[in-house]
Amino acid sequence: QVQLVESGGGLVQTGGSLRLSCTASGSISKINYIMWYRQAPGKQRELVAGIDPEGRAEYIGPVTGRFTISRDNAKNTVYLQMNSLKPEDTGVYYCKYLRSNWGQGTQVTVSS
């Protein structure tokens, strides 16, 4: 089973940008749909974006127009480019596909 590891989080000011990476332990070319989730302090984990093998992306709610998900099958990596960050984007970000386990996530903190 291919495992995913998140990285790229950090502390940024409101309006700043970050690019998260989701690196796989093996090939992702046959993984149908890969998703980014986030969990804010005291809240439930929520879906943020997803991408299919052909690169078609979907976004959920308030990240639309600010976040961009992409995948590089040759590098076995999925990215989440986050622009115009807001304090409400603060949380731990996870990547996952249907059969993968939850990883450690990567912390994103946006200061006001």
N, C-alpha and C. Protein backbone atom coordinates (compact mmCIF):
# COMPACT_ATOMS: atom_id res chain seq x y z
N GLN A 1 0.85 -1.20 0.00
CA GLN A 1 0.00 0.00 0.00
C GLN A 1 0.89 1.24 0.00
N VAL A 2 0.61 2.15 -0.89
CA VAL A 2 1.38 3.38 -1.00
C VAL A 2 1.04 4.31 0.16
N GLN A 3 2.07 4.78 0.83
CA GLN A 3 1.89 5.71 1.94
C GLN A 3 2.17 7.14 1.47
N LEU A 4 1.50 8.09 2.11
CA LEU A 4 1.65 9.49 1.74
C LEU A 4 2.22 10.27 2.93
N VAL A 5 3.12 11.20 2.65
CA VAL A 5 3.73 12.03 3.68
C VAL A 5 3.58 13.49 3.29
N GLU A 6 3.02 14.27 4.22
CA GLU A 6 2.79 15.69 3.97
C GLU A 6 3.97 16.53 4.45
N SER A 7 4.22 17.63 3.76
CA SER A 7 5.26 18.56 4.17
C SER A 7 4.96 19.94 3.58
N GLY A 8 5.71 20.93 4.06
CA GLY A 8 5.61 22.26 3.49
C GLY A 8 4.85 23.28 4.31
N GLY A 9 4.31 22.86 5.43
CA GLY A 9 3.58 23.79 6.28
C GLY A 9 4.49 24.79 6.95
N GLY A 10 3.89 25.76 7.62
CA GLY A 10 4.68 26.77 8.31
C GLY A 10 3.81 27.89 8.83
N LEU A 11 4.48 28.96 9.25
CA LEU A 11 3.80 30.14 9.76
C LEU A 11 3.91 31.26 8.73
N VAL A 12 2.77 31.81 8.35
CA VAL A 12 2.73 32.91 7.40
C VAL A 12 1.77 33.97 7.88
N GLN A 13 1.93 35.17 7.35
CA GLN A 13 1.00 36.24 7.66
C GLN A 13 -0.21 36.18 6.74
N THR A 14 -1.26 36.82 7.16
CA THR A 14 -2.46 36.93 6.32
C THR A 14 -2.09 37.49 4.95
N GLY A 15 -2.60 36.84 3.92
CA GLY A 15 -2.29 37.25 2.56
C GLY A 15 -1.12 36.53 1.95
N GLY A 16 -0.39 35.77 2.76
CA GLY A 16 0.78 35.06 2.28
C GLY A 16 0.43 33.78 1.54
N SER A 17 1.48 33.06 1.14
CA SER A 17 1.31 31.83 0.37
C SER A 17 2.19 30.71 0.94
N LEU A 18 1.72 29.51 0.71
CA LEU A 18 2.49 28.31 1.04
C LEU A 18 2.20 27.26 -0.02
N ARG A 19 3.16 26.38 -0.25
CA ARG A 19 2.91 25.23 -1.10
C ARG A 19 3.18 23.97 -0.31
N LEU A 20 2.13 23.17 -0.16
CA LEU A 20 2.24 21.90 0.54
C LEU A 20 2.56 20.80 -0.47
N SER A 21 3.31 19.81 0.00
CA SER A 21 3.63 18.65 -0.82
C SER A 21 3.14 17.38 -0.15
N CYS A 22 2.69 16.47 -0.96
CA CYS A 22 2.25 15.15 -0.50
C CYS A 22 3.05 14.14 -1.31
N THR A 23 4.04 13.56 -0.66
CA THR A 23 4.95 12.67 -1.36
C THR A 23 4.62 11.22 -1.07
N ALA A 24 4.53 10.44 -2.13
CA ALA A 24 4.12 9.04 -2.00
C ALA A 24 5.34 8.11 -1.93
N SER A 25 5.14 6.98 -1.25
CA SER A 25 6.21 5.98 -1.12
C SER A 25 6.35 5.13 -2.38
N GLY A 26 5.38 5.26 -3.28
CA GLY A 26 5.41 4.52 -4.53
C GLY A 26 4.68 5.29 -5.61
N SER A 27 4.39 4.63 -6.69
CA SER A 27 3.74 5.30 -7.81
C SER A 27 2.32 5.73 -7.48
N ILE A 28 1.97 6.94 -7.91
CA ILE A 28 0.60 7.42 -7.73
C ILE A 28 -0.18 7.39 -9.03
N SER A 29 0.45 6.93 -10.09
CA SER A 29 -0.19 6.99 -11.41
C SER A 29 -1.49 6.19 -11.47
N LYS A 30 -1.59 5.16 -10.66
CA LYS A 30 -2.81 4.34 -10.67
C LYS A 30 -3.75 4.66 -9.52
N ILE A 31 -3.40 5.66 -8.71
CA ILE A 31 -4.29 6.06 -7.63
C ILE A 31 -5.34 7.00 -8.20
N ASN A 32 -6.59 6.62 -8.02
CA ASN A 32 -7.67 7.29 -8.72
C ASN A 32 -7.83 8.75 -8.28
N TYR A 33 -8.00 8.97 -7.02
CA TYR A 33 -8.35 10.31 -6.55
C TYR A 33 -7.58 10.58 -5.28
N ILE A 34 -6.87 11.70 -5.25
CA ILE A 34 -6.10 12.08 -4.07
C ILE A 34 -6.64 13.39 -3.54
N MET A 35 -6.76 13.46 -2.24
CA MET A 35 -7.44 14.59 -1.61
C MET A 35 -6.56 15.27 -0.56
N TRP A 36 -6.80 16.54 -0.37
CA TRP A 36 -6.25 17.28 0.76
C TRP A 36 -7.39 17.59 1.72
N TYR A 37 -7.12 17.34 3.00
CA TYR A 37 -8.05 17.67 4.08
C TYR A 37 -7.34 18.64 5.03
N ARG A 38 -8.11 19.26 5.87
CA ARG A 38 -7.52 20.04 6.94
C ARG A 38 -8.38 19.92 8.20
N GLN A 39 -7.70 20.14 9.33
CA GLN A 39 -8.41 20.12 10.60
C GLN A 39 -7.98 21.32 11.42
N ALA A 40 -8.92 22.22 11.62
CA ALA A 40 -8.66 23.41 12.42
C ALA A 40 -8.79 23.06 13.90
N PRO A 41 -8.16 23.82 14.77
CA PRO A 41 -8.25 23.55 16.21
C PRO A 41 -9.70 23.49 16.68
N GLY A 42 -10.05 22.41 17.34
CA GLY A 42 -11.38 22.27 17.90
C GLY A 42 -12.47 21.95 16.90
N LYS A 43 -12.08 21.67 15.65
CA LYS A 43 -13.08 21.40 14.62
C LYS A 43 -12.85 20.04 13.98
N GLN A 44 -13.84 19.58 13.27
CA GLN A 44 -13.71 18.31 12.57
C GLN A 44 -12.85 18.47 11.33
N ARG A 45 -12.25 17.37 10.92
CA ARG A 45 -11.47 17.36 9.68
C ARG A 45 -12.42 17.60 8.51
N GLU A 46 -11.97 18.42 7.54
CA GLU A 46 -12.81 18.73 6.39
C GLU A 46 -12.03 18.58 5.10
N LEU A 47 -12.76 18.21 4.06
CA LEU A 47 -12.16 18.08 2.74
C LEU A 47 -11.93 19.46 2.15
N VAL A 48 -10.77 19.64 1.54
CA VAL A 48 -10.40 20.92 0.96
C VAL A 48 -10.39 20.86 -0.56
N ALA A 49 -9.76 19.82 -1.10
CA ALA A 49 -9.62 19.72 -2.56
C ALA A 49 -9.30 18.28 -2.93
N GLY A 50 -9.56 17.94 -4.18
CA GLY A 50 -9.23 16.62 -4.68
C GLY A 50 -8.84 16.69 -6.14
N ILE A 51 -8.10 15.67 -6.59
CA ILE A 51 -7.63 15.66 -7.98
C ILE A 51 -7.63 14.24 -8.50
N ASP A 52 -8.06 14.08 -9.77
CA ASP A 52 -8.09 12.75 -10.37
C ASP A 52 -6.81 12.51 -11.17
N PRO A 53 -6.62 11.31 -11.72
CA PRO A 53 -5.36 11.01 -12.41
C PRO A 53 -5.10 11.90 -13.62
N GLU A 54 -6.17 12.43 -14.23
CA GLU A 54 -6.00 13.29 -15.40
C GLU A 54 -5.77 14.75 -15.03
N GLY A 55 -5.76 15.04 -13.74
CA GLY A 55 -5.51 16.40 -13.29
C GLY A 55 -6.73 17.26 -13.10
N ARG A 56 -7.90 16.66 -13.21
CA ARG A 56 -9.12 17.44 -12.97
C ARG A 56 -9.27 17.64 -11.48
N ALA A 57 -9.48 18.91 -11.11
CA ALA A 57 -9.48 19.28 -9.69
C ALA A 57 -10.86 19.73 -9.23
N GLU A 58 -11.11 19.52 -7.95
CA GLU A 58 -12.33 20.01 -7.32
C GLU A 58 -11.95 20.69 -6.02
N TYR A 59 -12.68 21.73 -5.67
CA TYR A 59 -12.40 22.49 -4.46
C TYR A 59 -13.68 22.63 -3.66
N ILE A 60 -13.50 22.71 -2.35
CA ILE A 60 -14.65 22.78 -1.46
C ILE A 60 -14.68 24.15 -0.79
N GLY A 61 -15.81 24.83 -0.96
CA GLY A 61 -16.12 26.03 -0.20
C GLY A 61 -15.13 27.16 -0.29
N PRO A 62 -14.69 27.66 0.87
CA PRO A 62 -13.97 28.93 0.94
C PRO A 62 -12.57 28.94 0.35
N VAL A 63 -12.04 27.78 -0.04
CA VAL A 63 -10.70 27.78 -0.64
C VAL A 63 -10.76 28.00 -2.15
N THR A 64 -11.93 27.89 -2.71
CA THR A 64 -12.09 28.04 -4.16
C THR A 64 -11.57 29.39 -4.61
N GLY A 65 -10.71 29.35 -5.61
CA GLY A 65 -10.13 30.59 -6.15
C GLY A 65 -8.84 31.00 -5.46
N ARG A 66 -8.53 30.38 -4.33
CA ARG A 66 -7.29 30.72 -3.60
C ARG A 66 -6.31 29.55 -3.59
N PHE A 67 -6.82 28.34 -3.57
CA PHE A 67 -5.97 27.15 -3.51
C PHE A 67 -5.97 26.46 -4.87
N THR A 68 -4.84 25.83 -5.19
CA THR A 68 -4.73 25.05 -6.42
C THR A 68 -4.08 23.72 -6.10
N ILE A 69 -4.78 22.65 -6.44
CA ILE A 69 -4.22 21.31 -6.26
C ILE A 69 -3.67 20.84 -7.60
N SER A 70 -2.54 20.15 -7.54
CA SER A 70 -1.94 19.62 -8.76
C SER A 70 -1.22 18.33 -8.42
N ARG A 71 -0.91 17.55 -9.45
CA ARG A 71 -0.19 16.31 -9.20
C ARG A 71 0.87 16.11 -10.26
N ASP A 72 1.99 15.56 -9.86
CA ASP A 72 3.09 15.22 -10.75
C ASP A 72 3.31 13.72 -10.60
N ASN A 73 2.74 12.97 -11.51
CA ASN A 73 2.83 11.51 -11.40
C ASN A 73 4.27 11.02 -11.53
N ALA A 74 5.09 11.75 -12.28
CA ALA A 74 6.49 11.34 -12.45
C ALA A 74 7.28 11.47 -11.14
N LYS A 75 6.88 12.43 -10.33
CA LYS A 75 7.55 12.65 -9.04
C LYS A 75 6.78 12.04 -7.88
N ASN A 76 5.66 11.39 -8.19
CA ASN A 76 4.83 10.76 -7.16
C ASN A 76 4.46 11.76 -6.06
N THR A 77 4.07 12.94 -6.49
CA THR A 77 3.79 14.01 -5.54
C THR A 77 2.54 14.78 -5.95
N VAL A 78 1.77 15.13 -4.94
CA VAL A 78 0.60 16.00 -5.11
C VAL A 78 0.88 17.28 -4.34
N TYR A 79 0.53 18.40 -4.93
CA TYR A 79 0.79 19.70 -4.32
C TYR A 79 -0.51 20.42 -3.98
N LEU A 80 -0.42 21.31 -3.01
CA LEU A 80 -1.51 22.22 -2.72
C LEU A 80 -0.91 23.61 -2.59
N GLN A 81 -1.10 24.42 -3.63
CA GLN A 81 -0.65 25.81 -3.61
C GLN A 81 -1.72 26.64 -2.95
N MET A 82 -1.34 27.33 -1.88
CA MET A 82 -2.31 28.10 -1.11
C MET A 82 -1.91 29.57 -1.15
N ASN A 83 -2.77 30.39 -1.74
CA ASN A 83 -2.52 31.83 -1.85
C ASN A 83 -3.56 32.61 -1.06
N SER A 84 -3.29 33.86 -0.82
CA SER A 84 -4.22 34.75 -0.10
C SER A 84 -4.70 34.09 1.19
N LEU A 85 -3.77 33.58 1.94
CA LEU A 85 -4.12 32.84 3.15
C LEU A 85 -4.76 33.73 4.19
N LYS A 86 -5.69 33.13 4.92
CA LYS A 86 -6.44 33.80 5.96
C LYS A 86 -6.25 33.07 7.28
N PRO A 87 -6.47 33.74 8.41
CA PRO A 87 -6.34 33.05 9.69
C PRO A 87 -7.22 31.80 9.80
N GLU A 88 -8.37 31.82 9.15
CA GLU A 88 -9.26 30.66 9.20
C GLU A 88 -8.74 29.47 8.40
N ASP A 89 -7.65 29.64 7.66
CA ASP A 89 -7.01 28.52 6.97
C ASP A 89 -6.07 27.76 7.90
N THR A 90 -5.87 28.26 9.09
CA THR A 90 -5.00 27.61 10.05
C THR A 90 -5.49 26.22 10.39
N GLY A 91 -4.57 25.26 10.44
CA GLY A 91 -4.92 23.90 10.79
C GLY A 91 -3.85 22.93 10.36
N VAL A 92 -4.10 21.67 10.61
CA VAL A 92 -3.22 20.61 10.15
C VAL A 92 -3.78 20.08 8.83
N TYR A 93 -2.92 20.03 7.84
CA TYR A 93 -3.33 19.60 6.50
C TYR A 93 -2.83 18.19 6.22
N TYR A 94 -3.73 17.38 5.69
CA TYR A 94 -3.45 15.98 5.41
C TYR A 94 -3.77 15.68 3.94
N CYS A 95 -3.03 14.75 3.37
CA CYS A 95 -3.40 14.23 2.06
C CYS A 95 -3.76 12.76 2.23
N LYS A 96 -4.63 12.30 1.36
CA LYS A 96 -5.14 10.94 1.52
C LYS A 96 -5.77 10.48 0.23
N TYR A 97 -5.73 9.17 0.00
CA TYR A 97 -6.57 8.55 -1.01
C TYR A 97 -7.40 7.51 -0.28
N LEU A 98 -8.32 6.87 -1.02
CA LEU A 98 -9.34 6.04 -0.40
C LEU A 98 -8.77 5.02 0.58
N ARG A 99 -7.72 4.31 0.19
CA ARG A 99 -7.23 3.20 1.00
C ARG A 99 -6.04 3.56 1.88
N SER A 100 -5.59 4.81 1.84
CA SER A 100 -4.41 5.15 2.65
C SER A 100 -4.79 5.44 4.09
N ASN A 101 -3.81 5.34 4.95
CA ASN A 101 -3.99 5.72 6.35
C ASN A 101 -3.78 7.24 6.48
N TRP A 102 -4.30 7.78 7.56
CA TRP A 102 -4.03 9.19 7.85
C TRP A 102 -2.57 9.33 8.27
N GLY A 103 -1.90 10.34 7.71
CA GLY A 103 -0.52 10.60 8.08
C GLY A 103 -0.45 11.57 9.24
N GLN A 104 0.77 12.10 9.44
CA GLN A 104 0.98 13.05 10.53
C GLN A 104 0.44 14.42 10.19
N GLY A 105 0.33 14.72 8.92
CA GLY A 105 -0.13 16.03 8.50
C GLY A 105 0.99 17.06 8.59
N THR A 106 0.69 18.26 8.11
CA THR A 106 1.63 19.36 8.19
C THR A 106 0.89 20.59 8.70
N GLN A 107 1.47 21.27 9.66
CA GLN A 107 0.80 22.38 10.33
C GLN A 107 0.92 23.66 9.51
N VAL A 108 -0.21 24.31 9.31
CA VAL A 108 -0.25 25.62 8.66
C VAL A 108 -0.84 26.61 9.66
N THR A 109 -0.11 27.67 9.92
CA THR A 109 -0.58 28.70 10.83
C THR A 109 -0.53 30.05 10.12
N VAL A 110 -1.68 30.71 10.06
CA VAL A 110 -1.77 32.01 9.41
C VAL A 110 -2.04 33.06 10.48
N SER A 111 -1.12 33.98 10.64
CA SER A 111 -1.26 35.01 11.67
C SER A 111 -2.00 36.23 11.10
N SER A 112 -2.73 36.88 11.97
CA SER A 112 -3.50 38.06 11.54
C SER A 112 -2.71 39.34 11.72
